[in-house]
């Protein structure tokens, strides 16, 4: 239980950090939107949420999200795309 709470706190801090770091760039520049459709699926999940999509001044796009599976375990997704859309 303590570990699960600690993980939630770490995820929340990461999301806040990314939000505050790239917030000025979001409203002052046009963004290239990068979306990657799921290519496959292993197991099941009850929930997926894309928390943050931000673009920095170099054109890199960051996507942060989380999943909750049927056992109430959390996983985090953090993906960085460069300007040409390649995963870094």
C-alpha atoms as a PDB file:
ATOM      1  CA  UNK A   1       0.000   0.000   0.000  1.00  0.00           C
ATOM      2  CA  UNK A   2       2.822   2.362   0.915  1.00  0.00           C
ATOM      3  CA  UNK A   3       4.633   1.581  -2.360  1.00  0.00           C
ATOM      4  CA  UNK A   4       1.493   2.275  -4.410  1.00  0.00           C
ATOM      5  CA  UNK A   5       1.067   5.676  -2.735  1.00  0.00           C
ATOM      6  CA  UNK A   6       4.749   6.484  -3.271  1.00  0.00           C
ATOM      7  CA  UNK A   7       4.388   5.649  -6.987  1.00  0.00           C
ATOM      8  CA  UNK A   8       1.329   7.912  -7.319  1.00  0.00           C
ATOM      9  CA  UNK A   9       3.259  10.773  -5.728  1.00  0.00           C
ATOM     10  CA  UNK A  10       6.207  10.255  -8.105  1.00  0.00           C
ATOM     11  CA  UNK A  11       3.914  10.223 -11.154  1.00  0.00           C
ATOM     12  CA  UNK A  12       2.139  13.370  -9.967  1.00  0.00           C
ATOM     13  CA  UNK A  13       5.432  15.191  -9.461  1.00  0.00           C
ATOM     14  CA  UNK A  14       6.653  14.154 -12.923  1.00  0.00           C
ATOM     15  CA  UNK A  15       3.448  15.360 -14.564  1.00  0.00           C
ATOM     16  CA  UNK A  16       3.583  18.691 -12.715  1.00  0.00           C
ATOM     17  CA  UNK A  17       7.249  19.157 -13.629  1.00  0.00           C
ATOM     18  CA  UNK A  18       6.594  18.562 -17.328  1.00  0.00           C
ATOM     19  CA  UNK A  19       3.523  20.805 -17.253  1.00  0.00           C
ATOM     20  CA  UNK A  20       5.292  23.749 -15.638  1.00  0.00           C
ATOM     21  CA  UNK A  21       8.496  23.348 -17.645  1.00  0.00           C
ATOM     22  CA  UNK A  22       6.887  23.545 -21.072  1.00  0.00           C
ATOM     23  CA  UNK A  23       3.796  25.631 -20.306  1.00  0.00           C
ATOM     24  CA  UNK A  24       5.059  28.905 -21.904  1.00  0.00           C
ATOM     25  CA  UNK A  25       5.855  27.085 -25.157  1.00  0.00           C
ATOM     26  CA  UNK A  26       2.382  25.631 -25.415  1.00  0.00           C
ATOM     27  CA  UNK A  27       0.577  28.916 -25.895  1.00  0.00           C
ATOM     28  CA  UNK A  28       3.238  30.929 -27.731  1.00  0.00           C
ATOM     29  CA  UNK A  29       4.039  28.545 -30.608  1.00  0.00           C
ATOM     30  CA  UNK A  30       2.148  26.366 -32.988  1.00  0.00           C
ATOM     31  CA  UNK A  31       2.644  22.712 -32.163  1.00  0.00           C
ATOM     32  CA  UNK A  32       3.198  19.704 -34.314  1.00  0.00           C
ATOM     33  CA  UNK A  33       0.932  17.063 -32.888  1.00  0.00           C
ATOM     34  CA  UNK A  34       2.368  13.557 -32.740  1.00  0.00           C
ATOM     35  CA  UNK A  35       0.119  10.597 -32.117  1.00  0.00           C
ATOM     36  CA  UNK A  36       1.077   6.947 -32.204  1.00  0.00           C
ATOM     37  CA  UNK A  37      -1.724   4.438 -32.499  1.00  0.00           C
ATOM     38  CA  UNK A  38      -1.392   1.245 -30.504  1.00  0.00           C
ATOM     39  CA  UNK A  39       0.288  -1.390 -32.651  1.00  0.00           C
ATOM     40  CA  UNK A  40      -0.656  -4.239 -30.368  1.00  0.00           C
ATOM     41  CA  UNK A  41      -1.968  -5.053 -26.963  1.00  0.00           C
ATOM     42  CA  UNK A  42      -0.766  -7.423 -24.266  1.00  0.00           C
ATOM     43  CA  UNK A  43      -3.226  -8.198 -21.498  1.00  0.00           C
ATOM     44  CA  UNK A  44      -6.035  -5.854 -20.564  1.00  0.00           C
ATOM     45  CA  UNK A  45      -6.284  -2.469 -18.979  1.00  0.00           C
ATOM     46  CA  UNK A  46      -9.155  -0.745 -17.290  1.00  0.00           C
ATOM     47  CA  UNK A  47      -7.966   2.789 -17.894  1.00  0.00           C
ATOM     48  CA  UNK A  48      -5.572   4.837 -20.042  1.00  0.00           C
ATOM     49  CA  UNK A  49      -5.134   8.559 -19.726  1.00  0.00           C
ATOM     50  CA  UNK A  50      -2.860  10.835 -21.763  1.00  0.00           C
ATOM     51  CA  UNK A  51      -2.015  13.361 -19.083  1.00  0.00           C
ATOM     52  CA  UNK A  52       0.328  15.729 -20.907  1.00  0.00           C
ATOM     53  CA  UNK A  53       1.423  16.429 -24.487  1.00  0.00           C
ATOM     54  CA  UNK A  54       4.000  19.220 -24.736  1.00  0.00           C
ATOM     55  CA  UNK A  55       6.422  20.517 -27.368  1.00  0.00           C
ATOM     56  CA  UNK A  56       9.716  22.185 -26.443  1.00  0.00           C
ATOM     57  CA  UNK A  57      11.559  24.966 -28.283  1.00  0.00           C
ATOM     58  CA  UNK A  58      13.523  22.398 -30.342  1.00  0.00           C
ATOM     59  CA  UNK A  59      10.366  20.810 -31.740  1.00  0.00           C
ATOM     60  CA  UNK A  60      10.574  17.687 -29.556  1.00  0.00           C
ATOM     61  CA  UNK A  61       7.189  16.410 -28.393  1.00  0.00           C
ATOM     62  CA  UNK A  62       6.710  14.696 -25.021  1.00  0.00           C
ATOM     63  CA  UNK A  63       3.702  12.545 -24.169  1.00  0.00           C
ATOM     64  CA  UNK A  64       3.074  11.403 -20.593  1.00  0.00           C
ATOM     65  CA  UNK A  65       0.254   9.069 -19.627  1.00  0.00           C
ATOM     66  CA  UNK A  66      -0.727   6.348 -17.191  1.00  0.00           C
ATOM     67  CA  UNK A  67      -2.647   3.088 -17.125  1.00  0.00           C
ATOM     68  CA  UNK A  68      -4.439   1.230 -14.361  1.00  0.00           C
ATOM     69  CA  UNK A  69      -4.902  -2.494 -14.900  1.00  0.00           C
ATOM     70  CA  UNK A  70      -7.447  -4.888 -13.403  1.00  0.00           C
ATOM     71  CA  UNK A  71      -5.186  -5.440 -10.355  1.00  0.00           C
ATOM     72  CA  UNK A  72      -5.124  -1.664  -9.628  1.00  0.00           C
ATOM     73  CA  UNK A  73      -1.437  -1.421 -10.553  1.00  0.00           C
ATOM     74  CA  UNK A  74      -0.208   1.750 -12.260  1.00  0.00           C
ATOM     75  CA  UNK A  75       2.152   2.018 -15.214  1.00  0.00           C
ATOM     76  CA  UNK A  76       3.483   5.231 -16.690  1.00  0.00           C
ATOM     77  CA  UNK A  77       4.100   6.046 -20.330  1.00  0.00           C
ATOM     78  CA  UNK A  78       6.707   8.653 -21.270  1.00  0.00           C
ATOM     79  CA  UNK A  79       7.514   9.069 -24.972  1.00  0.00           C
ATOM     80  CA  UNK A  80       9.734  11.636 -26.673  1.00  0.00           C
ATOM     81  CA  UNK A  81       9.414  12.328 -30.404  1.00  0.00           C
ATOM     82  CA  UNK A  82      11.947  14.464 -32.246  1.00  0.00           C
ATOM     83  CA  UNK A  83      10.979  17.121 -34.803  1.00  0.00           C
ATOM     84  CA  UNK A  84      10.660  14.528 -37.604  1.00  0.00           C
ATOM     85  CA  UNK A  85       8.407  12.236 -35.539  1.00  0.00           C
ATOM     86  CA  UNK A  86      10.985   9.593 -34.594  1.00  0.00           C
ATOM     87  CA  UNK A  87      10.761   8.127 -31.093  1.00  0.00           C
ATOM     88  CA  UNK A  88      13.880   9.046 -29.115  1.00  0.00           C
END
